[in-house]
Amino acid sequence: MSLRVTFLGTGGAVPTVERAASAVFVNREGDRFLFDCGEGTQREMMRAGTGFAVDRVFVSHLHGDHVLGIPGLVQTLGFNDRTDPLTVHCPPGTDDHLHDLVHAVGHDPAFPVRIEPVAPGEVAYETDEYEVRAFETEHRTVSQGYVLEEDDRPGRFDRPKAEALGVPVGPKFGRLHEGESVEAEDGTVVEPEQVVGPPRPGRKLVYTADTRPREATVEAAEDADLLIHDATFADDMADRARDTAHSTGREAGSIADRADAKRLALVHISSRYAADARPIRRDAREAFDGECILPDDGDLIEVPFPDADD
C-alpha cells in the first residue's frame, strides 16, 4: 500500500528559478491531497507528473505563497470537465476569504468547491484506514499544520501454525486475520490470537507549513515516519527567523529529534539560499541523527511502513 510524497514547491515567500511557492502532493493508495497550493503549483504538478486529480486541499494559512495557486487550479480543473466536488480544509475564520479567492475575478467554479474550517485538534478527514487532523502552529497569522496518520494494521498471519492447528486453506485464513474465530477440521475452535501477531503500526506524515518551533509540533510529530518542517533560514539568521515567525534548520532538526521522527524534510527555503541551501541541512543534521532531506521541487519520497525491514 503506497504512500508517496511529491514536493511541488519547497521555496519561501519569494519563489526562485529552482524553488516554487509552497505545495506538497500526497498520494495514499489513490487518495490524492495537496497540502497548501502556492503560485505555480499547476506547472509543478505537470513537471512532476502527479496529474490534477486532487481530492482535497489542506490549507495551513492565508499567506499568498500558500494559497495563490488555488484559483488557477480550480479553473483548470473546470476546463478539464471535472464534476466531482473539491474540498478545501482551512483554519477557523479563514473560510470566507478562501471563498472569495476561489471566486476571484468573478469566476464561478464549474463543479462544487466545499470549504470546511477545521480547528487544531479536530479531524479534518477520516476513512476506515487513516485520518487527517489539524494541529496548532505559530506564525504571523492564524495557522496550523496537519497530521496524516494511519490506523494500526492487523498482525502478521502465521500460516504454518494455522495449518498445524487444522485450519483448512481458504477463506478461514482471511477470517482469522480479520479477528474472527473459526472452526478447524476436527471441530476445535481456533482463535485469532493463536495465529495472528500483535497489531503493526501504520504510517504517520506531518506537515507544519510556516511556524516557529513549538511543543505542539513535537507532540503532533511523535514517532512520525516523515516530518515536513519549516526551515526557512540557516542558523546564522536565527534572529530573522524569530522576527518573521519561521524556523531555522537547526530548530527543525531539534523538533524532529525530540519527536523521535524517522525522517525530516526541510522546506520553505528562503530565496537568499537560491545558490546553496546546504547550510540549512548542515545545521539540521547537527541537531537530528535521523535521515535529513533537503528536497528539490519535483522530488518524490516513498514513505515505507515502520516494520518494512522486519
C-alpha atoms as a PDB file:
ATOM      1  CA  MET A   1       0.000   0.000   0.000  1.00  0.00           C
ATOM      2  CA  SER A   2       1.758   3.106  -1.233  1.00  0.00           C
ATOM      3  CA  LEU A   3       2.209   6.479   0.453  1.00  0.00           C
ATOM      4  CA  ARG A   4       4.047   8.853  -1.868  1.00  0.00           C
ATOM      5  CA  VAL A   5       5.003  12.468  -1.202  1.00  0.00           C
ATOM      6  CA  THR A   6       5.903  14.804  -4.066  1.00  0.00           C
ATOM      7  CA  PHE A   7       7.442  18.156  -3.187  1.00  0.00           C
ATOM      8  CA  LEU A   8       5.934  20.599  -5.677  1.00  0.00           C
ATOM      9  CA  GLY A   9       7.037  23.831  -4.017  1.00  0.00           C
ATOM     10  CA  THR A  10       9.866  23.993  -1.477  1.00  0.00           C
ATOM     11  CA  GLY A  11      10.599  27.723  -1.603  1.00  0.00           C
ATOM     12  CA  GLY A  12       9.844  30.580   0.755  1.00  0.00           C
ATOM     13  CA  ALA A  13       7.673  33.632   0.256  1.00  0.00           C
ATOM     14  CA  VAL A  14       9.630  34.703  -2.842  1.00  0.00           C
ATOM     15  CA  PRO A  15       9.879  31.934  -5.467  1.00  0.00           C
ATOM     16  CA  THR A  16      13.115  31.312  -7.305  1.00  0.00           C
ATOM     17  CA  VAL A  17      14.001  29.573 -10.547  1.00  0.00           C
ATOM     18  CA  GLU A  18      14.767  26.411  -8.540  1.00  0.00           C
ATOM     19  CA  ARG A  19      12.034  26.558  -5.893  1.00  0.00           C
ATOM     20  CA  ALA A  20       8.337  27.359  -6.327  1.00  0.00           C
ATOM     21  CA  ALA A  21       5.970  28.509  -3.578  1.00  0.00           C
ATOM     22  CA  SER A  22       4.682  26.026  -1.012  1.00  0.00           C
ATOM     23  CA  ALA A  23       2.844  22.900  -2.146  1.00  0.00           C
ATOM     24  CA  VAL A  24       3.142  19.220  -1.192  1.00  0.00           C
ATOM     25  CA  PHE A  25       1.279  16.485  -3.078  1.00  0.00           C
ATOM     26  CA  VAL A  26       0.449  13.280  -1.186  1.00  0.00           C
ATOM     27  CA  ASN A  27      -0.865  10.147  -2.861  1.00  0.00           C
ATOM     28  CA  ARG A  28      -2.023   7.496  -0.444  1.00  0.00           C
ATOM     29  CA  GLU A  29      -3.085   4.492  -2.452  1.00  0.00           C
ATOM     30  CA  GLY A  30      -5.003   6.653  -4.904  1.00  0.00           C
ATOM     31  CA  ASP A  31      -6.285   9.254  -2.416  1.00  0.00           C
ATOM     32  CA  ARG A  32      -4.690  12.493  -3.647  1.00  0.00           C
ATOM     33  CA  PHE A  33      -4.172  15.503  -1.399  1.00  0.00           C
ATOM     34  CA  LEU A  34      -2.498  18.892  -1.678  1.00  0.00           C
ATOM     35  CA  PHE A  35      -1.031  20.472   1.413  1.00  0.00           C
ATOM     36  CA  ASP A  36      -1.041  24.165   0.502  1.00  0.00           C
ATOM     37  CA  CYS A  37      -1.192  25.416  -3.066  1.00  0.00           C
ATOM     38  CA  GLY A  38       1.106  28.334  -3.775  1.00  0.00           C
ATOM     39  CA  GLU A  39       1.572  30.199  -7.027  1.00  0.00           C
ATOM     40  CA  GLY A  40       2.850  27.938  -9.794  1.00  0.00           C
ATOM     41  CA  THR A  41       1.550  24.688  -8.296  1.00  0.00           C
ATOM     42  CA  GLN A  42      -0.140  23.680 -11.565  1.00  0.00           C
ATOM     43  CA  ARG A  43       3.092  23.848 -13.533  1.00  0.00           C
ATOM     44  CA  GLU A  44       4.947  21.894 -10.861  1.00  0.00           C
ATOM     45  CA  MET A  45       2.225  19.223 -10.965  1.00  0.00           C
ATOM     46  CA  MET A  46       2.744  18.849 -14.700  1.00  0.00           C
ATOM     47  CA  ARG A  47       6.517  18.730 -14.344  1.00  0.00           C
ATOM     48  CA  ALA A  48       6.324  16.122 -11.589  1.00  0.00           C
ATOM     49  CA  GLY A  49       3.656  14.087 -13.357  1.00  0.00           C
ATOM     50  CA  THR A  50       1.230  13.991 -10.430  1.00  0.00           C
ATOM     51  CA  GLY A  51      -1.786  14.893 -12.550  1.00  0.00           C
ATOM     52  CA  PHE A  52      -4.562  17.247 -11.478  1.00  0.00           C
ATOM     53  CA  ALA A  53      -6.826  14.653  -9.832  1.00  0.00           C
ATOM     54  CA  VAL A  54      -6.795  16.246  -6.375  1.00  0.00           C
ATOM     55  CA  ASP A  55      -9.428  15.096  -3.883  1.00  0.00           C
ATOM     56  CA  ARG A  56      -8.751  17.562  -1.064  1.00  0.00           C
ATOM     57  CA  VAL A  57      -6.636  20.618  -0.312  1.00  0.00           C
ATOM     58  CA  PHE A  58      -5.381  21.279   3.211  1.00  0.00           C
ATOM     59  CA  VAL A  59      -4.562  24.968   3.702  1.00  0.00           C
ATOM     60  CA  SER A  60      -2.207  25.922   6.532  1.00  0.00           C
ATOM     61  CA  HIS A  61      -2.764  29.702   6.462  1.00  0.00           C
ATOM     62  CA  LEU A  62      -3.724  32.500   4.112  1.00  0.00           C
ATOM     63  CA  HIS A  63      -0.376  33.977   3.140  1.00  0.00           C
ATOM     64  CA  GLY A  64      -0.162  34.278  -0.634  1.00  0.00           C
ATOM     65  CA  ASP A  65       2.711  31.858  -1.113  1.00  0.00           C
ATOM     66  CA  HIS A  66       0.471  29.108   0.280  1.00  0.00           C
ATOM     67  CA  VAL A  67      -2.862  29.817  -1.424  1.00  0.00           C
ATOM     68  CA  LEU A  68      -2.487  31.893  -4.599  1.00  0.00           C
ATOM     69  CA  GLY A  69      -2.363  28.754  -6.733  1.00  0.00           C
ATOM     70  CA  ILE A  70      -5.900  27.755  -5.742  1.00  0.00           C
ATOM     71  CA  PRO A  71      -7.890  29.964  -8.176  1.00  0.00           C
ATOM     72  CA  GLY A  72      -5.873  28.816 -11.179  1.00  0.00           C
ATOM     73  CA  LEU A  73      -6.048  25.167 -10.167  1.00  0.00           C
ATOM     74  CA  VAL A  74      -9.826  25.353  -9.715  1.00  0.00           C
ATOM     75  CA  GLN A  75     -10.250  26.927 -13.146  1.00  0.00           C
ATOM     76  CA  THR A  76      -8.006  24.319 -14.773  1.00  0.00           C
ATOM     77  CA  LEU A  77      -9.977  21.517 -13.158  1.00  0.00           C
ATOM     78  CA  GLY A  78     -13.114  23.064 -14.616  1.00  0.00           C
ATOM     79  CA  PHE A  79     -11.542  23.258 -18.075  1.00  0.00           C
ATOM     80  CA  ASN A  80     -10.784  19.537 -17.719  1.00  0.00           C
ATOM     81  CA  ASP A  81     -14.509  18.850 -17.213  1.00  0.00           C
ATOM     82  CA  ARG A  82     -14.289  17.975 -13.561  1.00  0.00           C
ATOM     83  CA  THR A  83     -17.655  17.342 -11.921  1.00  0.00           C
ATOM     84  CA  ASP A  84     -16.622  15.791  -8.586  1.00  0.00           C
ATOM     85  CA  PRO A  85     -16.555  18.169  -5.591  1.00  0.00           C
ATOM     86  CA  LEU A  86     -13.255  19.542  -4.297  1.00  0.00           C
ATOM     87  CA  THR A  87     -12.975  20.010  -0.536  1.00  0.00           C
ATOM     88  CA  VAL A  88     -10.671  22.676   0.865  1.00  0.00           C
ATOM     89  CA  HIS A  89      -9.867  22.397   4.574  1.00  0.00           C
ATOM     90  CA  CYS A  90      -8.649  25.534   6.337  1.00  0.00           C
ATOM     91  CA  PRO A  91      -8.093  27.164   9.751  1.00  0.00           C
ATOM     92  CA  PRO A  92     -11.166  28.540  11.528  1.00  0.00           C
ATOM     93  CA  GLY A  93     -12.172  32.021  10.443  1.00  0.00           C
ATOM     94  CA  THR A  94     -10.490  31.824   7.051  1.00  0.00           C
ATOM     95  CA  ASP A  95     -13.285  30.213   5.043  1.00  0.00           C
ATOM     96  CA  ASP A  96     -14.849  33.478   3.830  1.00  0.00           C
ATOM     97  CA  HIS A  97     -11.500  34.668   2.478  1.00  0.00           C
ATOM     98  CA  LEU A  98     -10.941  31.350   0.723  1.00  0.00           C
ATOM     99  CA  HIS A  99     -14.419  31.542  -0.775  1.00  0.00           C
ATOM    100  CA  ASP A 100     -13.524  34.943  -2.227  1.00  0.00           C
ATOM    101  CA  LEU A 101     -10.240  33.531  -3.531  1.00  0.00           C
ATOM    102  CA  VAL A 102     -11.935  30.599  -5.263  1.00  0.00           C
ATOM    103  CA  HIS A 103     -14.336  33.062  -6.902  1.00  0.00           C
ATOM    104  CA  ALA A 104     -11.577  35.515  -7.877  1.00  0.00           C
ATOM    105  CA  VAL A 105     -12.275  37.814 -10.859  1.00  0.00           C
ATOM    106  CA  GLY A 106     -15.911  36.799 -10.765  1.00  0.00           C
ATOM    107  CA  HIS A 107     -15.222  33.157 -11.608  1.00  0.00           C
ATOM    108  CA  ASP A 108     -17.849  30.585 -10.627  1.00  0.00           C
ATOM    109  CA  PRO A 109     -16.339  27.081 -10.446  1.00  0.00           C
ATOM    110  CA  ALA A 110     -17.778  24.517 -12.830  1.00  0.00           C
ATOM    111  CA  PHE A 111     -18.022  21.966 -10.011  1.00  0.00           C
ATOM    112  CA  PRO A 112     -18.738  22.159  -6.259  1.00  0.00           C
ATOM    113  CA  VAL A 113     -15.921  23.576  -4.111  1.00  0.00           C
ATOM    114  CA  ARG A 114     -16.562  22.919  -0.444  1.00  0.00           C
ATOM    115  CA  ILE A 115     -14.620  24.977   2.074  1.00  0.00           C
ATOM    116  CA  GLU A 116     -14.530  23.354   5.510  1.00  0.00           C
ATOM    117  CA  PRO A 117     -12.840  25.001   8.509  1.00  0.00           C
ATOM    118  CA  VAL A 118     -11.176  22.638  10.964  1.00  0.00           C
ATOM    119  CA  ALA A 119      -9.759  23.660  14.342  1.00  0.00           C
ATOM    120  CA  PRO A 120      -6.486  22.374  15.796  1.00  0.00           C
ATOM    121  CA  GLY A 121      -7.098  19.048  17.485  1.00  0.00           C
ATOM    122  CA  GLU A 122     -10.008  18.221  15.211  1.00  0.00           C
ATOM    123  CA  VAL A 123     -10.123  15.610  12.466  1.00  0.00           C
ATOM    124  CA  ALA A 124     -10.467  17.152   9.022  1.00  0.00           C
ATOM    125  CA  TYR A 125     -10.974  13.903   7.159  1.00  0.00           C
ATOM    126  CA  GLU A 126     -11.090  10.226   8.074  1.00  0.00           C
ATOM    127  CA  THR A 127     -11.628   6.847   6.491  1.00  0.00           C
ATOM    128  CA  ASP A 128     -11.607   3.297   7.814  1.00  0.00           C
ATOM    129  CA  GLU A 129      -7.816   3.246   7.416  1.00  0.00           C
ATOM    130  CA  TYR A 130      -6.482   6.707   8.336  1.00  0.00           C
ATOM    131  CA  GLU A 131      -7.305  10.248   9.385  1.00  0.00           C
ATOM    132  CA  VAL A 132      -6.013  13.746   8.715  1.00  0.00           C
ATOM    133  CA  ARG A 133      -6.153  16.115  11.682  1.00  0.00           C
ATOM    134  CA  ALA A 134      -5.013  19.657  12.339  1.00  0.00           C
ATOM    135  CA  PHE A 135      -2.612  20.923  14.995  1.00  0.00           C
ATOM    136  CA  GLU A 136      -1.719  24.461  16.060  1.00  0.00           C
ATOM    137  CA  THR A 137       1.380  26.184  14.747  1.00  0.00           C
ATOM    138  CA  GLU A 138       2.838  29.640  15.403  1.00  0.00           C
ATOM    139  CA  HIS A 139       3.108  32.116  12.555  1.00  0.00           C
ATOM    140  CA  ARG A 140       2.185  35.743  11.944  1.00  0.00           C
ATOM    141  CA  THR A 141      -1.432  34.854  11.271  1.00  0.00           C
ATOM    142  CA  VAL A 142      -3.884  32.087  12.096  1.00  0.00           C
ATOM    143  CA  SER A 143      -2.047  28.937  11.059  1.00  0.00           C
ATOM    144  CA  GLN A 144      -1.976  25.211  11.542  1.00  0.00           C
ATOM    145  CA  GLY A 145      -0.279  22.054  10.395  1.00  0.00           C
ATOM    146  CA  TYR A 146      -1.710  18.652   9.523  1.00  0.00           C
ATOM    147  CA  VAL A 147      -1.051  15.036  10.517  1.00  0.00           C
ATOM    148  CA  LEU A 148      -1.933  12.133   8.244  1.00  0.00           C
ATOM    149  CA  GLU A 149      -1.901   9.046  10.463  1.00  0.00           C
ATOM    150  CA  GLU A 150      -2.875   5.532   9.513  1.00  0.00           C
ATOM    151  CA  ASP A 151      -4.616   3.079  11.815  1.00  0.00           C
ATOM    152  CA  ASP A 152      -2.758   0.049  13.108  1.00  0.00           C
ATOM    153  CA  ARG A 153      -2.727  -2.881  10.711  1.00  0.00           C
ATOM    154  CA  PRO A 154      -3.507  -6.497  11.654  1.00  0.00           C
ATOM    155  CA  GLY A 155      -0.544  -8.508  12.874  1.00  0.00           C
ATOM    156  CA  ARG A 156       1.275 -10.979  10.669  1.00  0.00           C
ATOM    157  CA  PHE A 157      -0.619 -14.183   9.904  1.00  0.00           C
ATOM    158  CA  ASP A 158       1.203 -17.412  10.833  1.00  0.00           C
ATOM    159  CA  ARG A 159       0.055 -19.750   8.068  1.00  0.00           C
ATOM    160  CA  PRO A 160       2.141 -22.778   9.106  1.00  0.00           C
ATOM    161  CA  LYS A 161       0.704 -22.617  12.620  1.00  0.00           C
ATOM    162  CA  ALA A 162      -2.840 -22.243  11.289  1.00  0.00           C
ATOM    163  CA  GLU A 163      -2.365 -25.323   9.115  1.00  0.00           C
ATOM    164  CA  ALA A 164      -0.869 -27.204  12.064  1.00  0.00           C
ATOM    165  CA  LEU A 165      -3.982 -26.371  14.091  1.00  0.00           C
ATOM    166  CA  GLY A 166      -6.133 -27.910  11.373  1.00  0.00           C
ATOM    167  CA  VAL A 167      -7.490 -24.771   9.725  1.00  0.00           C
ATOM    168  CA  PRO A 168      -8.209 -25.616   6.063  1.00  0.00           C
ATOM    169  CA  VAL A 169      -6.512 -23.462   3.459  1.00  0.00           C
ATOM    170  CA  GLY A 170      -9.008 -20.940   2.135  1.00  0.00           C
ATOM    171  CA  PRO A 171     -11.440 -18.283   3.365  1.00  0.00           C
ATOM    172  CA  LYS A 172     -10.966 -19.144   7.038  1.00  0.00           C
ATOM    173  CA  PHE A 173      -7.430 -17.790   6.862  1.00  0.00           C
ATOM    174  CA  GLY A 174      -8.815 -14.386   5.966  1.00  0.00           C
ATOM    175  CA  ARG A 175     -11.461 -14.551   8.679  1.00  0.00           C
ATOM    176  CA  LEU A 176      -8.821 -15.308  11.293  1.00  0.00           C
ATOM    177  CA  HIS A 177      -6.663 -12.425  10.057  1.00  0.00           C
ATOM    178  CA  GLU A 178      -9.671 -10.126  10.385  1.00  0.00           C
ATOM    179  CA  GLY A 179     -10.169 -11.130  14.032  1.00  0.00           C
ATOM    180  CA  GLU A 180     -12.835 -13.812  13.729  1.00  0.00           C
ATOM    181  CA  SER A 181     -12.725 -17.246  15.379  1.00  0.00           C
ATOM    182  CA  VAL A 182     -13.054 -20.243  13.066  1.00  0.00           C
ATOM    183  CA  GLU A 183     -13.615 -23.979  13.364  1.00  0.00           C
ATOM    184  CA  ALA A 184     -10.778 -26.343  12.470  1.00  0.00           C
ATOM    185  CA  GLU A 185     -11.290 -29.577  10.559  1.00  0.00           C
ATOM    186  CA  ASP A 186     -11.520 -31.561  13.785  1.00  0.00           C
ATOM    187  CA  GLY A 187     -14.200 -29.260  15.200  1.00  0.00           C
ATOM    188  CA  THR A 188     -11.995 -27.334  17.602  1.00  0.00           C
ATOM    189  CA  VAL A 189     -12.212 -23.542  17.693  1.00  0.00           C
ATOM    190  CA  VAL A 190      -9.136 -21.575  16.652  1.00  0.00           C
ATOM    191  CA  GLU A 191      -8.885 -18.028  17.999  1.00  0.00           C
ATOM    192  CA  PRO A 192      -7.224 -15.206  16.031  1.00  0.00           C
ATOM    193  CA  GLU A 193      -4.610 -14.586  18.702  1.00  0.00           C
ATOM    194  CA  GLN A 194      -3.330 -18.127  18.196  1.00  0.00           C
ATOM    195  CA  VAL A 195      -2.189 -17.412  14.644  1.00  0.00           C
ATOM    196  CA  VAL A 196      -2.073 -13.620  14.290  1.00  0.00           C
ATOM    197  CA  GLY A 197       0.734 -11.500  15.739  1.00  0.00           C
ATOM    198  CA  PRO A 198       0.338  -8.170  17.541  1.00  0.00           C
ATOM    199  CA  PRO A 199      -1.013  -5.176  15.584  1.00  0.00           C
ATOM    200  CA  ARG A 200       1.519  -3.388  13.381  1.00  0.00           C
ATOM    201  CA  PRO A 201       1.686   0.413  13.288  1.00  0.00           C
ATOM    202  CA  GLY A 202       0.613   2.370  10.255  1.00  0.00           C
ATOM    203  CA  ARG A 203       2.492   5.337   8.832  1.00  0.00           C
ATOM    204  CA  LYS A 204       2.489   8.926  10.036  1.00  0.00           C
ATOM    205  CA  LEU A 205       3.156  12.017   7.934  1.00  0.00           C
ATOM    206  CA  VAL A 206       3.333  15.514   9.470  1.00  0.00           C
ATOM    207  CA  TYR A 207       3.302  18.847   7.635  1.00  0.00           C
ATOM    208  CA  THR A 208       3.928  22.026   9.633  1.00  0.00           C
ATOM    209  CA  ALA A 209       3.964  24.760   6.963  1.00  0.00           C
ATOM    210  CA  ASP A 210       5.306  28.093   8.290  1.00  0.00           C
ATOM    211  CA  THR A 211       5.922  28.034  12.020  1.00  0.00           C
ATOM    212  CA  ARG A 212       8.193  28.760  14.910  1.00  0.00           C
ATOM    213  CA  PRO A 213       9.394  25.619  16.721  1.00  0.00           C
ATOM    214  CA  ARG A 214       6.621  24.554  19.067  1.00  0.00           C
ATOM    215  CA  GLU A 215       5.953  21.938  21.705  1.00  0.00           C
ATOM    216  CA  ALA A 216       2.666  21.239  19.913  1.00  0.00           C
ATOM    217  CA  THR A 217       4.667  20.143  16.881  1.00  0.00           C
ATOM    218  CA  VAL A 218       6.760  17.769  18.982  1.00  0.00           C
ATOM    219  CA  GLU A 219       3.557  16.171  20.259  1.00  0.00           C
ATOM    220  CA  ALA A 220       1.940  16.026  16.824  1.00  0.00           C
ATOM    221  CA  ALA A 221       5.062  14.560  15.210  1.00  0.00           C
ATOM    222  CA  GLU A 222       5.794  11.899  17.827  1.00  0.00           C
ATOM    223  CA  ASP A 223       7.260   8.854  16.047  1.00  0.00           C
ATOM    224  CA  ALA A 224       6.466  10.358  12.634  1.00  0.00           C
ATOM    225  CA  ASP A 225       7.764   8.460   9.639  1.00  0.00           C
ATOM    226  CA  LEU A 226       8.193  11.778   7.807  1.00  0.00           C
ATOM    227  CA  LEU A 227       8.145  15.276   9.306  1.00  0.00           C
ATOM    228  CA  ILE A 228       7.974  18.102   6.756  1.00  0.00           C
ATOM    229  CA  HIS A 229       9.045  21.197   8.693  1.00  0.00           C
ATOM    230  CA  ASP A 230       9.628  24.880   8.009  1.00  0.00           C
ATOM    231  CA  ALA A 231      13.367  25.534   7.678  1.00  0.00           C
ATOM    232  CA  THR A 232      13.421  28.968   6.102  1.00  0.00           C
ATOM    233  CA  PHE A 233      16.839  30.063   7.355  1.00  0.00           C
ATOM    234  CA  ALA A 234      20.241  28.762   8.386  1.00  0.00           C
ATOM    235  CA  ASP A 235      21.348  29.202  11.972  1.00  0.00           C
ATOM    236  CA  ASP A 236      23.168  32.474  11.353  1.00  0.00           C
ATOM    237  CA  MET A 237      19.774  34.023  10.564  1.00  0.00           C
ATOM    238  CA  ALA A 238      18.111  32.848  13.786  1.00  0.00           C
ATOM    239  CA  ASP A 239      17.082  36.401  14.723  1.00  0.00           C
ATOM    240  CA  ARG A 240      15.433  36.843  11.331  1.00  0.00           C
ATOM    241  CA  ALA A 241      13.625  33.529  11.752  1.00  0.00           C
ATOM    242  CA  ARG A 242      12.282  34.639  15.114  1.00  0.00           C
ATOM    243  CA  ASP A 243      11.216  38.065  13.816  1.00  0.00           C
ATOM    244  CA  THR A 244       9.335  36.556  10.868  1.00  0.00           C
ATOM    245  CA  ALA A 245       7.873  33.587  12.817  1.00  0.00           C
ATOM    246  CA  HIS A 246       9.763  30.944  10.874  1.00  0.00           C
ATOM    247  CA  SER A 247      12.246  28.232  11.883  1.00  0.00           C
ATOM    248  CA  THR A 248      15.891  27.566  11.173  1.00  0.00           C
ATOM    249  CA  GLY A 249      17.250  24.247  10.003  1.00  0.00           C
ATOM    250  CA  ARG A 250      18.694  23.609  13.455  1.00  0.00           C
ATOM    251  CA  GLU A 251      15.352  24.333  15.107  1.00  0.00           C
ATOM    252  CA  ALA A 252      13.590  21.967  12.707  1.00  0.00           C
ATOM    253  CA  GLY A 253      16.206  19.325  13.484  1.00  0.00           C
ATOM    254  CA  SER A 254      15.680  19.777  17.212  1.00  0.00           C
ATOM    255  CA  ILE A 255      11.913  19.305  16.819  1.00  0.00           C
ATOM    256  CA  ALA A 256      12.452  16.135  14.782  1.00  0.00           C
ATOM    257  CA  ASP A 257      14.924  14.829  17.359  1.00  0.00           C
ATOM    258  CA  ARG A 258      12.597  15.456  20.291  1.00  0.00           C
ATOM    259  CA  ALA A 259       9.683  13.879  18.421  1.00  0.00           C
ATOM    260  CA  ASP A 260      11.731  10.751  17.534  1.00  0.00           C
ATOM    261  CA  ALA A 261      10.812  11.258  13.884  1.00  0.00           C
ATOM    262  CA  LYS A 262      12.410   8.877  11.427  1.00  0.00           C
ATOM    263  CA  ARG A 263      12.904  11.350   8.569  1.00  0.00           C
ATOM    264  CA  LEU A 264      12.929  15.124   8.331  1.00  0.00           C
ATOM    265  CA  ALA A 265      12.277  17.112   5.149  1.00  0.00           C
ATOM    266  CA  LEU A 266      13.320  20.777   5.212  1.00  0.00           C
ATOM    267  CA  VAL A 267      11.080  23.122   3.209  1.00  0.00           C
ATOM    268  CA  HIS A 268      10.117  26.788   2.758  1.00  0.00           C
ATOM    269  CA  ILE A 269      13.708  27.655   1.899  1.00  0.00           C
ATOM    270  CA  SER A 270      14.349  31.408   1.724  1.00  0.00           C
ATOM    271  CA  SER A 271      15.334  32.858  -1.652  1.00  0.00           C
ATOM    272  CA  ARG A 272      18.561  34.097  -0.056  1.00  0.00           C
ATOM    273  CA  TYR A 273      19.749  30.455  -0.322  1.00  0.00           C
ATOM    274  CA  ALA A 274      18.958  30.146  -4.035  1.00  0.00           C
ATOM    275  CA  ALA A 275      22.600  29.434  -4.808  1.00  0.00           C
ATOM    276  CA  ASP A 276      23.251  26.993  -1.968  1.00  0.00           C
ATOM    277  CA  ALA A 277      20.822  25.774   0.705  1.00  0.00           C
ATOM    278  CA  ARG A 278      23.181  23.164   2.134  1.00  0.00           C
ATOM    279  CA  PRO A 279      23.942  25.228   5.289  1.00  0.00           C
ATOM    280  CA  ILE A 280      20.322  24.713   6.358  1.00  0.00           C
ATOM    281  CA  ARG A 281      20.655  20.940   6.099  1.00  0.00           C
ATOM    282  CA  ARG A 282      24.055  21.024   7.821  1.00  0.00           C
ATOM    283  CA  ASP A 283      22.538  22.820  10.803  1.00  0.00           C
ATOM    284  CA  ALA A 284      19.600  20.416  10.939  1.00  0.00           C
ATOM    285  CA  ARG A 285      21.908  17.393  10.918  1.00  0.00           C
ATOM    286  CA  GLU A 286      23.764  18.724  13.929  1.00  0.00           C
ATOM    287  CA  ALA A 287      20.508  18.544  15.899  1.00  0.00           C
ATOM    288  CA  PHE A 288      18.937  15.416  14.360  1.00  0.00           C
ATOM    289  CA  ASP A 289      20.515  11.976  13.931  1.00  0.00           C
ATOM    290  CA  GLY A 290      17.804  10.605  11.639  1.00  0.00           C
ATOM    291  CA  GLU A 291      17.596  10.927   7.878  1.00  0.00           C
ATOM    292  CA  CYS A 292      17.563  14.611   6.927  1.00  0.00           C
ATOM    293  CA  ILE A 293      16.345  15.589   3.446  1.00  0.00           C
ATOM    294  CA  LEU A 294      16.618  18.903   1.634  1.00  0.00           C
ATOM    295  CA  PRO A 295      14.194  18.159  -1.201  1.00  0.00           C
ATOM    296  CA  ASP A 296      14.187  19.905  -4.551  1.00  0.00           C
ATOM    297  CA  ASP A 297      10.968  20.714  -6.361  1.00  0.00           C
ATOM    298  CA  GLY A 298       9.733  17.570  -8.069  1.00  0.00           C
ATOM    299  CA  ASP A 299      11.410  15.149  -5.654  1.00  0.00           C
ATOM    300  CA  LEU A 300       9.277  12.136  -4.725  1.00  0.00           C
ATOM    301  CA  ILE A 301       9.603  10.213  -1.470  1.00  0.00           C
ATOM    302  CA  GLU A 302       8.020   6.844  -0.747  1.00  0.00           C
ATOM    303  CA  VAL A 303       7.088   6.508   2.929  1.00  0.00           C
ATOM    304  CA  PRO A 304       7.518   2.862   3.987  1.00  0.00           C
ATOM    305  CA  PHE A 305       5.747   1.107   6.839  1.00  0.00           C
ATOM    306  CA  PRO A 306       7.688   1.237  10.143  1.00  0.00           C
ATOM    307  CA  ASP A 307       8.189  -2.538  10.040  1.00  0.00           C
ATOM    308  CA  ALA A 308       9.134  -2.678   6.358  1.00  0.00           C
ATOM    309  CA  ASP A 309      12.560  -4.168   7.141  1.00  0.00           C
ATOM    310  CA  ASP A 310      11.267  -6.804   9.559  1.00  0.00           C
END
